Amino acid sequence: MYQRPSHKPQTRDKKPIPPLDSGGLERIALRYVERFSTTRARLVTYLQRKIRERGWDGPERDPVEIAEKFAELGYIDDRAFGEARAAAMGRRGLGERRVTGALREAGLDEADSAAIVPGVEDRAIETALAFARRKRIGPFALAPVDRAQREKQIAAMIRGGHGFALSRRIASLLPGESFDNHD
């Protein structure tokens, strides 16, 4: 005869996860860089979290040492990560302030950030127009907007990382008007 399964969750005795040792920490780091594009700082943060979660067994190993080793081996390239992140954010229409904030959050050092930022500055108008197109602001709006709506559009562009002057200039354009003809 058919018996209805019980709704009690089956409990299995799970083995506790053993604490990390030097080899285990390196294996976890390798698995992480295989799966994700990352920076040295992010890898260090990840490894420190894993040590806190699982504990440590054996002689100490510094996560910074592992991150530096992986960078030397070419598994991690902070500048390439930053360039890819800046390009992706630019395609989404995000401005310089948002890009530099993301690079700082990712843990890029000043030298790598300084090398990437001029390219972001050069594409400021292009990314601002991409943002305006995506959000239907200014020349990409469906209909002219009133002053209150224009102020909201300017605020959205500023939150997107664009400067006030450029944001105001774009939001002030009428639907269909060219950016090049407006000063």
N, C-alpha and C. Protein backbone atom coordinates (compact mmCIF):
# COMPACT_ATOMS: atom_id res chain seq x y z
N MET A 1 0.84 -1.17 0.00
CA MET A 1 0.00 0.00 0.00
C MET A 1 0.89 1.24 0.00
N TYR A 2 0.41 2.27 -0.70
CA TYR A 2 1.17 3.51 -0.82
C TYR A 2 1.16 4.26 0.50
N GLN A 3 2.34 4.70 0.90
CA GLN A 3 2.44 5.53 2.10
C GLN A 3 2.84 6.94 1.70
N ARG A 4 2.12 7.85 2.23
CA ARG A 4 2.40 9.24 1.95
C ARG A 4 3.71 9.64 2.64
N PRO A 5 4.61 10.33 1.91
CA PRO A 5 5.86 10.72 2.55
C PRO A 5 5.61 11.73 3.66
N SER A 6 6.37 11.60 4.69
CA SER A 6 6.22 12.54 5.79
C SER A 6 6.84 13.89 5.41
N HIS A 7 6.38 14.92 6.05
CA HIS A 7 6.89 16.26 5.77
C HIS A 7 8.01 16.64 6.71
N LYS A 8 8.48 15.69 7.45
CA LYS A 8 9.60 15.97 8.33
C LYS A 8 10.87 16.02 7.50
N PRO A 9 11.64 17.03 7.69
CA PRO A 9 12.90 17.07 6.94
C PRO A 9 13.82 15.95 7.41
N GLN A 10 14.46 15.35 6.45
CA GLN A 10 15.40 14.30 6.82
C GLN A 10 16.66 14.96 7.33
N THR A 11 17.09 14.50 8.46
CA THR A 11 18.31 15.06 9.03
C THR A 11 19.44 14.08 8.80
N ARG A 12 20.47 14.62 8.25
CA ARG A 12 21.68 13.82 8.07
C ARG A 12 22.75 14.47 8.92
N ASP A 13 23.53 13.63 9.46
CA ASP A 13 24.64 14.17 10.25
C ASP A 13 25.70 14.68 9.28
N LYS A 14 25.81 15.99 9.23
CA LYS A 14 26.81 16.59 8.35
C LYS A 14 28.13 16.66 9.10
N LYS A 15 29.16 16.32 8.36
CA LYS A 15 30.48 16.46 8.96
C LYS A 15 30.82 17.94 9.02
N PRO A 16 31.42 18.36 10.10
CA PRO A 16 31.84 19.75 10.14
C PRO A 16 32.96 19.99 9.12
N ILE A 17 32.94 21.16 8.52
CA ILE A 17 33.98 21.49 7.55
C ILE A 17 35.28 21.70 8.30
N PRO A 18 36.33 21.01 7.87
CA PRO A 18 37.59 21.14 8.60
C PRO A 18 38.19 22.54 8.43
N PRO A 19 38.97 22.96 9.41
CA PRO A 19 39.61 24.27 9.29
C PRO A 19 40.61 24.27 8.13
N LEU A 20 40.87 25.45 7.63
CA LEU A 20 41.79 25.60 6.51
C LEU A 20 43.23 25.44 6.95
N ASP A 21 44.03 24.97 6.03
CA ASP A 21 45.48 24.98 6.23
C ASP A 21 46.07 25.71 5.02
N SER A 22 47.35 25.77 4.93
CA SER A 22 48.02 26.53 3.87
C SER A 22 47.62 26.05 2.48
N GLY A 23 47.62 24.74 2.27
CA GLY A 23 47.26 24.18 0.97
C GLY A 23 45.81 24.42 0.62
N GLY A 24 44.94 24.27 1.62
CA GLY A 24 43.52 24.48 1.40
C GLY A 24 43.21 25.93 1.04
N LEU A 25 43.91 26.85 1.70
CA LEU A 25 43.69 28.26 1.41
C LEU A 25 44.11 28.59 -0.02
N GLU A 26 45.21 28.01 -0.45
CA GLU A 26 45.67 28.26 -1.82
C GLU A 26 44.71 27.64 -2.84
N ARG A 27 44.17 26.46 -2.52
CA ARG A 27 43.20 25.83 -3.43
C ARG A 27 41.93 26.68 -3.55
N ILE A 28 41.47 27.21 -2.44
CA ILE A 28 40.28 28.07 -2.46
C ILE A 28 40.57 29.32 -3.28
N ALA A 29 41.75 29.89 -3.12
CA ALA A 29 42.12 31.09 -3.87
C ALA A 29 42.16 30.79 -5.36
N LEU A 30 42.73 29.66 -5.72
CA LEU A 30 42.82 29.29 -7.13
C LEU A 30 41.43 29.08 -7.73
N ARG A 31 40.56 28.43 -7.00
CA ARG A 31 39.19 28.23 -7.47
C ARG A 31 38.48 29.57 -7.66
N TYR A 32 38.74 30.50 -6.76
CA TYR A 32 38.11 31.82 -6.84
C TYR A 32 38.57 32.58 -8.09
N VAL A 33 39.87 32.60 -8.35
CA VAL A 33 40.36 33.35 -9.52
C VAL A 33 40.02 32.64 -10.83
N GLU A 34 39.77 31.33 -10.77
CA GLU A 34 39.29 30.63 -11.97
C GLU A 34 37.89 31.09 -12.34
N ARG A 35 37.07 31.32 -11.35
CA ARG A 35 35.66 31.63 -11.58
C ARG A 35 35.38 33.11 -11.79
N PHE A 36 36.16 33.99 -11.17
CA PHE A 36 35.84 35.41 -11.17
C PHE A 36 37.03 36.25 -11.58
N SER A 37 36.75 37.29 -12.34
CA SER A 37 37.77 38.31 -12.60
C SER A 37 37.84 39.12 -11.31
N THR A 38 39.03 39.33 -10.81
CA THR A 38 39.15 39.95 -9.49
C THR A 38 40.42 40.77 -9.39
N THR A 39 40.56 41.42 -8.26
CA THR A 39 41.77 42.18 -7.95
C THR A 39 42.46 41.53 -6.77
N ARG A 40 43.68 41.96 -6.52
CA ARG A 40 44.41 41.42 -5.36
C ARG A 40 43.65 41.73 -4.07
N ALA A 41 43.15 42.96 -3.95
CA ALA A 41 42.45 43.36 -2.72
C ALA A 41 41.19 42.51 -2.50
N ARG A 42 40.45 42.25 -3.56
CA ARG A 42 39.24 41.42 -3.41
C ARG A 42 39.59 39.99 -3.04
N LEU A 43 40.66 39.46 -3.61
CA LEU A 43 41.07 38.10 -3.26
C LEU A 43 41.48 38.03 -1.80
N VAL A 44 42.22 39.02 -1.33
CA VAL A 44 42.63 39.05 0.08
C VAL A 44 41.41 39.10 0.99
N THR A 45 40.44 39.93 0.67
CA THR A 45 39.21 40.04 1.47
C THR A 45 38.47 38.71 1.49
N TYR A 46 38.37 38.07 0.34
CA TYR A 46 37.71 36.77 0.25
C TYR A 46 38.42 35.73 1.11
N LEU A 47 39.74 35.66 1.02
CA LEU A 47 40.49 34.67 1.79
C LEU A 47 40.38 34.93 3.29
N GLN A 48 40.43 36.19 3.68
CA GLN A 48 40.28 36.52 5.11
C GLN A 48 38.91 36.09 5.63
N ARG A 49 37.87 36.28 4.79
CA ARG A 49 36.54 35.85 5.20
C ARG A 49 36.48 34.33 5.36
N LYS A 50 37.10 33.60 4.44
CA LYS A 50 37.10 32.14 4.52
C LYS A 50 37.84 31.66 5.77
N ILE A 51 38.91 32.32 6.13
CA ILE A 51 39.65 31.96 7.35
C ILE A 51 38.76 32.21 8.58
N ARG A 52 38.05 33.33 8.60
CA ARG A 52 37.14 33.62 9.72
C ARG A 52 36.03 32.58 9.81
N GLU A 53 35.48 32.17 8.65
CA GLU A 53 34.37 31.23 8.64
C GLU A 53 34.79 29.82 9.05
N ARG A 54 35.92 29.37 8.56
CA ARG A 54 36.31 27.97 8.77
C ARG A 54 37.36 27.77 9.82
N GLY A 55 38.05 28.81 10.19
CA GLY A 55 39.13 28.65 11.16
C GLY A 55 40.44 28.32 10.47
N TRP A 56 41.48 28.17 11.27
CA TRP A 56 42.81 27.94 10.72
C TRP A 56 43.50 26.83 11.47
N ASP A 57 44.23 26.00 10.73
CA ASP A 57 44.97 24.91 11.34
C ASP A 57 46.34 24.85 10.67
N GLY A 58 47.36 24.97 11.44
CA GLY A 58 48.72 24.87 10.89
C GLY A 58 49.45 26.20 10.94
N PRO A 59 50.63 26.22 10.31
CA PRO A 59 51.41 27.46 10.32
C PRO A 59 50.68 28.55 9.52
N GLU A 60 50.78 29.77 10.02
CA GLU A 60 50.04 30.87 9.41
C GLU A 60 50.51 31.16 7.99
N ARG A 61 49.56 31.58 7.17
CA ARG A 61 49.84 31.96 5.79
C ARG A 61 49.09 33.25 5.52
N ASP A 62 49.78 34.23 5.06
CA ASP A 62 49.19 35.54 4.83
C ASP A 62 48.44 35.56 3.49
N PRO A 63 47.16 35.91 3.49
CA PRO A 63 46.42 36.00 2.22
C PRO A 63 47.03 36.99 1.23
N VAL A 64 47.66 38.04 1.75
CA VAL A 64 48.31 39.02 0.87
C VAL A 64 49.42 38.35 0.08
N GLU A 65 50.14 37.44 0.73
CA GLU A 65 51.22 36.70 0.06
C GLU A 65 50.67 35.86 -1.10
N ILE A 66 49.54 35.24 -0.89
CA ILE A 66 48.92 34.43 -1.94
C ILE A 66 48.47 35.32 -3.10
N ALA A 67 47.85 36.46 -2.78
CA ALA A 67 47.39 37.38 -3.82
C ALA A 67 48.57 37.90 -4.64
N GLU A 68 49.66 38.24 -3.98
CA GLU A 68 50.84 38.73 -4.70
C GLU A 68 51.42 37.63 -5.60
N LYS A 69 51.45 36.41 -5.08
CA LYS A 69 51.95 35.29 -5.87
C LYS A 69 51.09 35.09 -7.12
N PHE A 70 49.77 35.15 -6.96
CA PHE A 70 48.87 34.97 -8.09
C PHE A 70 49.02 36.11 -9.10
N ALA A 71 49.29 37.32 -8.61
CA ALA A 71 49.50 38.45 -9.52
C ALA A 71 50.79 38.24 -10.32
N GLU A 72 51.84 37.75 -9.66
CA GLU A 72 53.10 37.48 -10.35
C GLU A 72 52.93 36.39 -11.41
N LEU A 73 52.09 35.40 -11.11
CA LEU A 73 51.85 34.31 -12.05
C LEU A 73 50.91 34.73 -13.19
N GLY A 74 50.30 35.90 -13.06
CA GLY A 74 49.40 36.39 -14.10
C GLY A 74 47.96 35.95 -13.93
N TYR A 75 47.63 35.34 -12.81
CA TYR A 75 46.25 34.92 -12.55
C TYR A 75 45.37 36.13 -12.24
N ILE A 76 45.98 37.18 -11.70
CA ILE A 76 45.27 38.41 -11.34
C ILE A 76 45.98 39.56 -12.01
N ASP A 77 45.22 40.44 -12.65
CA ASP A 77 45.78 41.65 -13.25
C ASP A 77 44.85 42.80 -12.89
N ASP A 78 45.26 43.58 -11.90
CA ASP A 78 44.41 44.66 -11.41
C ASP A 78 44.09 45.68 -12.51
N ARG A 79 45.08 46.04 -13.31
CA ARG A 79 44.85 47.05 -14.34
C ARG A 79 43.87 46.53 -15.39
N ALA A 80 44.03 45.29 -15.83
CA ALA A 80 43.11 44.72 -16.82
C ALA A 80 41.69 44.66 -16.25
N PHE A 81 41.58 44.30 -14.98
CA PHE A 81 40.28 44.27 -14.32
C PHE A 81 39.67 45.67 -14.33
N GLY A 82 40.46 46.67 -13.96
CA GLY A 82 39.97 48.04 -13.92
C GLY A 82 39.56 48.55 -15.28
N GLU A 83 40.34 48.24 -16.30
CA GLU A 83 39.99 48.68 -17.66
C GLU A 83 38.70 48.04 -18.13
N ALA A 84 38.55 46.76 -17.86
CA ALA A 84 37.32 46.06 -18.25
C ALA A 84 36.12 46.61 -17.49
N ARG A 85 36.29 46.86 -16.21
CA ARG A 85 35.18 47.40 -15.41
C ARG A 85 34.82 48.80 -15.89
N ALA A 86 35.82 49.64 -16.17
CA ALA A 86 35.55 51.00 -16.65
C ALA A 86 34.85 50.98 -18.00
N ALA A 87 35.28 50.09 -18.89
CA ALA A 87 34.65 49.99 -20.21
C ALA A 87 33.20 49.53 -20.08
N ALA A 88 32.94 48.56 -19.24
CA ALA A 88 31.57 48.06 -19.06
C ALA A 88 30.68 49.14 -18.46
N MET A 89 31.19 49.87 -17.50
CA MET A 89 30.40 50.93 -16.89
C MET A 89 30.17 52.07 -17.88
N GLY A 90 31.15 52.33 -18.74
CA GLY A 90 30.99 53.35 -19.77
C GLY A 90 29.91 52.97 -20.77
N ARG A 91 29.88 51.69 -21.14
CA ARG A 91 28.83 51.23 -22.07
C ARG A 91 27.44 51.38 -21.46
N ARG A 92 27.36 51.25 -20.14
CA ARG A 92 26.08 51.44 -19.45
C ARG A 92 25.75 52.91 -19.27
N GLY A 93 26.70 53.80 -19.61
CA GLY A 93 26.45 55.23 -19.53
C GLY A 93 26.81 55.84 -18.20
N LEU A 94 27.57 55.15 -17.38
CA LEU A 94 27.94 55.69 -16.08
C LEU A 94 29.17 56.59 -16.21
N GLY A 95 29.18 57.65 -15.43
CA GLY A 95 30.20 58.68 -15.54
C GLY A 95 31.45 58.42 -14.72
N GLU A 96 32.36 59.38 -14.82
CA GLU A 96 33.68 59.27 -14.20
C GLU A 96 33.60 59.05 -12.69
N ARG A 97 32.74 59.78 -12.02
CA ARG A 97 32.67 59.65 -10.56
C ARG A 97 32.24 58.25 -10.15
N ARG A 98 31.29 57.66 -10.85
CA ARG A 98 30.85 56.30 -10.53
C ARG A 98 31.94 55.29 -10.85
N VAL A 99 32.65 55.49 -11.97
CA VAL A 99 33.71 54.57 -12.37
C VAL A 99 34.85 54.62 -11.36
N THR A 100 35.30 55.81 -10.99
CA THR A 100 36.42 55.91 -10.04
C THR A 100 36.02 55.34 -8.68
N GLY A 101 34.77 55.51 -8.29
CA GLY A 101 34.29 54.92 -7.04
C GLY A 101 34.31 53.40 -7.10
N ALA A 102 33.92 52.84 -8.22
CA ALA A 102 33.93 51.38 -8.38
C ALA A 102 35.35 50.84 -8.37
N LEU A 103 36.27 51.57 -8.99
CA LEU A 103 37.67 51.12 -8.99
C LEU A 103 38.25 51.17 -7.59
N ARG A 104 37.92 52.22 -6.85
CA ARG A 104 38.40 52.34 -5.46
C ARG A 104 37.82 51.21 -4.62
N GLU A 105 36.54 50.92 -4.82
CA GLU A 105 35.88 49.85 -4.07
C GLU A 105 36.49 48.48 -4.39
N ALA A 106 36.91 48.30 -5.63
CA ALA A 106 37.52 47.03 -6.04
C ALA A 106 38.94 46.88 -5.51
N GLY A 107 39.50 47.96 -4.96
CA GLY A 107 40.82 47.87 -4.34
C GLY A 107 41.97 48.16 -5.29
N LEU A 108 41.71 48.83 -6.40
CA LEU A 108 42.80 49.18 -7.30
C LEU A 108 43.67 50.24 -6.65
N ASP A 109 44.98 50.12 -6.83
CA ASP A 109 45.86 51.12 -6.25
C ASP A 109 45.83 52.39 -7.10
N GLU A 110 46.42 53.45 -6.57
CA GLU A 110 46.37 54.76 -7.22
C GLU A 110 47.00 54.75 -8.62
N ALA A 111 48.07 54.01 -8.80
CA ALA A 111 48.75 53.99 -10.09
C ALA A 111 47.86 53.39 -11.18
N ASP A 112 47.21 52.28 -10.86
CA ASP A 112 46.33 51.64 -11.84
C ASP A 112 45.11 52.52 -12.13
N SER A 113 44.53 53.11 -11.09
CA SER A 113 43.38 53.99 -11.28
C SER A 113 43.75 55.21 -12.10
N ALA A 114 44.91 55.78 -11.80
CA ALA A 114 45.36 56.98 -12.52
C ALA A 114 45.58 56.68 -14.01
N ALA A 115 45.96 55.46 -14.34
CA ALA A 115 46.17 55.08 -15.73
C ALA A 115 44.84 54.89 -16.47
N ILE A 116 43.79 54.55 -15.74
CA ILE A 116 42.50 54.25 -16.36
C ILE A 116 41.62 55.49 -16.49
N VAL A 117 41.68 56.40 -15.51
CA VAL A 117 40.78 57.55 -15.46
C VAL A 117 40.87 58.47 -16.68
N PRO A 118 42.04 58.76 -17.26
CA PRO A 118 42.03 59.64 -18.44
C PRO A 118 41.17 59.10 -19.59
N GLY A 119 41.14 57.81 -19.79
CA GLY A 119 40.29 57.23 -20.82
C GLY A 119 38.82 57.43 -20.52
N VAL A 120 38.47 57.39 -19.24
CA VAL A 120 37.09 57.61 -18.82
C VAL A 120 36.73 59.08 -19.06
N GLU A 121 37.65 59.98 -18.73
CA GLU A 121 37.41 61.41 -18.95
C GLU A 121 37.23 61.72 -20.43
N ASP A 122 38.00 61.05 -21.28
CA ASP A 122 37.91 61.29 -22.73
C ASP A 122 36.56 60.88 -23.29
N ARG A 123 35.91 59.92 -22.66
CA ARG A 123 34.62 59.42 -23.15
C ARG A 123 33.44 60.00 -22.36
N ALA A 124 33.65 61.13 -21.66
CA ALA A 124 32.60 61.68 -20.79
C ALA A 124 31.33 62.02 -21.55
N ILE A 125 31.45 62.69 -22.68
CA ILE A 125 30.26 63.08 -23.44
C ILE A 125 29.57 61.85 -24.01
N GLU A 126 30.36 60.93 -24.53
CA GLU A 126 29.81 59.70 -25.11
C GLU A 126 29.02 58.90 -24.06
N THR A 127 29.59 58.76 -22.86
CA THR A 127 28.89 57.98 -21.83
C THR A 127 27.68 58.73 -21.31
N ALA A 128 27.77 60.07 -21.21
CA ALA A 128 26.63 60.85 -20.75
C ALA A 128 25.47 60.74 -21.74
N LEU A 129 25.78 60.77 -23.03
CA LEU A 129 24.73 60.61 -24.03
C LEU A 129 24.15 59.20 -24.01
N ALA A 130 24.99 58.20 -23.75
CA ALA A 130 24.49 56.82 -23.62
C ALA A 130 23.53 56.71 -22.44
N PHE A 131 23.89 57.36 -21.33
CA PHE A 131 23.02 57.36 -20.16
C PHE A 131 21.69 58.06 -20.48
N ALA A 132 21.79 59.21 -21.14
CA ALA A 132 20.58 59.96 -21.50
C ALA A 132 19.69 59.16 -22.44
N ARG A 133 20.30 58.44 -23.37
CA ARG A 133 19.53 57.61 -24.31
C ARG A 133 18.80 56.51 -23.54
N ARG A 134 19.53 55.87 -22.63
CA ARG A 134 18.94 54.77 -21.86
C ARG A 134 17.78 55.24 -20.97
N LYS A 135 17.93 56.44 -20.41
CA LYS A 135 16.91 56.97 -19.49
C LYS A 135 15.92 57.92 -20.16
N ARG A 136 16.06 58.10 -21.49
CA ARG A 136 15.19 58.99 -22.26
C ARG A 136 15.21 60.41 -21.71
N ILE A 137 16.40 60.95 -21.63
CA ILE A 137 16.62 62.31 -21.11
C ILE A 137 17.01 63.22 -22.27
N GLY A 138 16.55 64.48 -22.19
CA GLY A 138 16.96 65.50 -23.16
C GLY A 138 16.57 65.14 -24.58
N PRO A 139 17.55 65.02 -25.48
CA PRO A 139 17.23 64.78 -26.89
C PRO A 139 16.60 63.40 -27.14
N PHE A 140 16.64 62.53 -26.17
CA PHE A 140 16.09 61.18 -26.32
C PHE A 140 14.72 61.03 -25.65
N ALA A 141 14.22 62.12 -25.07
CA ALA A 141 12.90 62.10 -24.43
C ALA A 141 11.82 61.95 -25.48
N LEU A 142 10.69 61.44 -25.08
CA LEU A 142 9.57 61.27 -26.00
C LEU A 142 8.82 62.57 -26.23
N ALA A 143 8.85 63.44 -25.21
CA ALA A 143 8.16 64.73 -25.30
C ALA A 143 8.92 65.73 -24.44
N PRO A 144 8.75 67.04 -24.72
CA PRO A 144 9.41 68.04 -23.88
C PRO A 144 8.95 67.90 -22.43
N VAL A 145 9.85 68.23 -21.50
CA VAL A 145 9.54 68.09 -20.08
C VAL A 145 9.52 69.46 -19.41
N ASP A 146 8.82 69.54 -18.28
CA ASP A 146 8.80 70.80 -17.54
C ASP A 146 10.05 70.92 -16.67
N ARG A 147 10.15 72.05 -16.00
CA ARG A 147 11.35 72.33 -15.20
C ARG A 147 11.57 71.30 -14.09
N ALA A 148 10.52 70.91 -13.38
CA ALA A 148 10.66 69.94 -12.29
C ALA A 148 11.17 68.60 -12.82
N GLN A 149 10.63 68.17 -13.94
CA GLN A 149 11.06 66.90 -14.53
C GLN A 149 12.51 66.99 -15.01
N ARG A 150 12.88 68.13 -15.59
CA ARG A 150 14.26 68.33 -16.05
C ARG A 150 15.23 68.28 -14.86
N GLU A 151 14.84 68.86 -13.73
CA GLU A 151 15.70 68.80 -12.53
C GLU A 151 15.87 67.36 -12.06
N LYS A 152 14.82 66.57 -12.15
CA LYS A 152 14.93 65.16 -11.80
C LYS A 152 15.86 64.42 -12.76
N GLN A 153 15.80 64.77 -14.03
CA GLN A 153 16.68 64.15 -15.01
C GLN A 153 18.14 64.53 -14.76
N ILE A 154 18.37 65.79 -14.43
CA ILE A 154 19.73 66.24 -14.10
C ILE A 154 20.24 65.48 -12.88
N ALA A 155 19.38 65.35 -11.88
CA ALA A 155 19.77 64.62 -10.66
C ALA A 155 20.10 63.16 -10.98
N ALA A 156 19.34 62.55 -11.87
CA ALA A 156 19.61 61.16 -12.26
C ALA A 156 20.97 61.06 -12.94
N MET A 157 21.28 62.02 -13.79
CA MET A 157 22.58 61.99 -14.48
C MET A 157 23.72 62.20 -13.48
N ILE A 158 23.52 63.06 -12.51
CA ILE A 158 24.56 63.28 -11.50
C ILE A 158 24.77 62.02 -10.68
N ARG A 159 23.68 61.34 -10.31
CA ARG A 159 23.81 60.06 -9.59
C ARG A 159 24.51 59.03 -10.45
N GLY A 160 24.38 59.15 -11.77
CA GLY A 160 25.06 58.26 -12.70
C GLY A 160 26.54 58.57 -12.85
N GLY A 161 27.02 59.61 -12.14
CA GLY A 161 28.44 59.92 -12.13
C GLY A 161 28.87 61.02 -13.08
N HIS A 162 27.91 61.71 -13.69
CA HIS A 162 28.25 62.77 -14.63
C HIS A 162 28.29 64.12 -13.93
N GLY A 163 29.05 65.05 -14.48
CA GLY A 163 29.17 66.38 -13.90
C GLY A 163 27.89 67.18 -14.09
N PHE A 164 27.72 68.19 -13.24
CA PHE A 164 26.50 69.00 -13.28
C PHE A 164 26.35 69.75 -14.60
N ALA A 165 27.41 70.38 -15.06
CA ALA A 165 27.32 71.20 -16.28
C ALA A 165 26.92 70.35 -17.49
N LEU A 166 27.55 69.20 -17.65
CA LEU A 166 27.22 68.32 -18.77
C LEU A 166 25.81 67.77 -18.63
N SER A 167 25.43 67.41 -17.42
CA SER A 167 24.09 66.88 -17.17
C SER A 167 23.04 67.93 -17.51
N ARG A 168 23.26 69.15 -17.09
CA ARG A 168 22.30 70.23 -17.37
C ARG A 168 22.22 70.50 -18.87
N ARG A 169 23.37 70.49 -19.51
CA ARG A 169 23.41 70.76 -20.95
C ARG A 169 22.60 69.71 -21.74
N ILE A 170 22.78 68.46 -21.39
CA ILE A 170 22.05 67.38 -22.09
C ILE A 170 20.56 67.40 -21.76
N ALA A 171 20.23 67.58 -20.47
CA ALA A 171 18.82 67.56 -20.06
C ALA A 171 18.06 68.76 -20.62
N SER A 172 18.75 69.84 -20.95
CA SER A 172 18.09 71.04 -21.48
C SER A 172 17.74 70.92 -22.96
N LEU A 173 18.27 69.92 -23.63
CA LEU A 173 17.98 69.75 -25.06
C LEU A 173 16.55 69.28 -25.26
N LEU A 174 15.96 69.74 -26.34
CA LEU A 174 14.61 69.30 -26.69
C LEU A 174 14.66 67.94 -27.37
N PRO A 175 13.58 67.18 -27.32
CA PRO A 175 13.57 65.87 -27.99
C PRO A 175 13.95 66.00 -29.47
N GLY A 176 14.89 65.18 -29.88
CA GLY A 176 15.35 65.18 -31.27
C GLY A 176 16.45 66.18 -31.57
N GLU A 177 16.72 67.12 -30.67
CA GLU A 177 17.75 68.14 -30.90
C GLU A 177 19.14 67.50 -30.79
N SER A 178 20.05 67.97 -31.62
CA SER A 178 21.42 67.42 -31.63
C SER A 178 22.26 68.05 -30.51
N PHE A 179 23.06 67.25 -29.89
CA PHE A 179 23.95 67.75 -28.83
C PHE A 179 25.00 68.69 -29.40
N ASP A 180 25.48 68.41 -30.61
CA ASP A 180 26.56 69.20 -31.22
C ASP A 180 26.14 70.63 -31.53
N ASN A 181 24.86 70.87 -31.81
CA ASN A 181 24.40 72.19 -32.20
C ASN A 181 24.02 73.06 -31.01
N HIS A 182 24.14 72.54 -29.81
CA HIS A 182 23.67 73.25 -28.62
C HIS A 182 24.86 73.67 -27.78
N ASP A 183 24.90 74.93 -27.39
CA ASP A 183 25.97 75.41 -26.48
C ASP A 183 25.41 76.25 -25.39
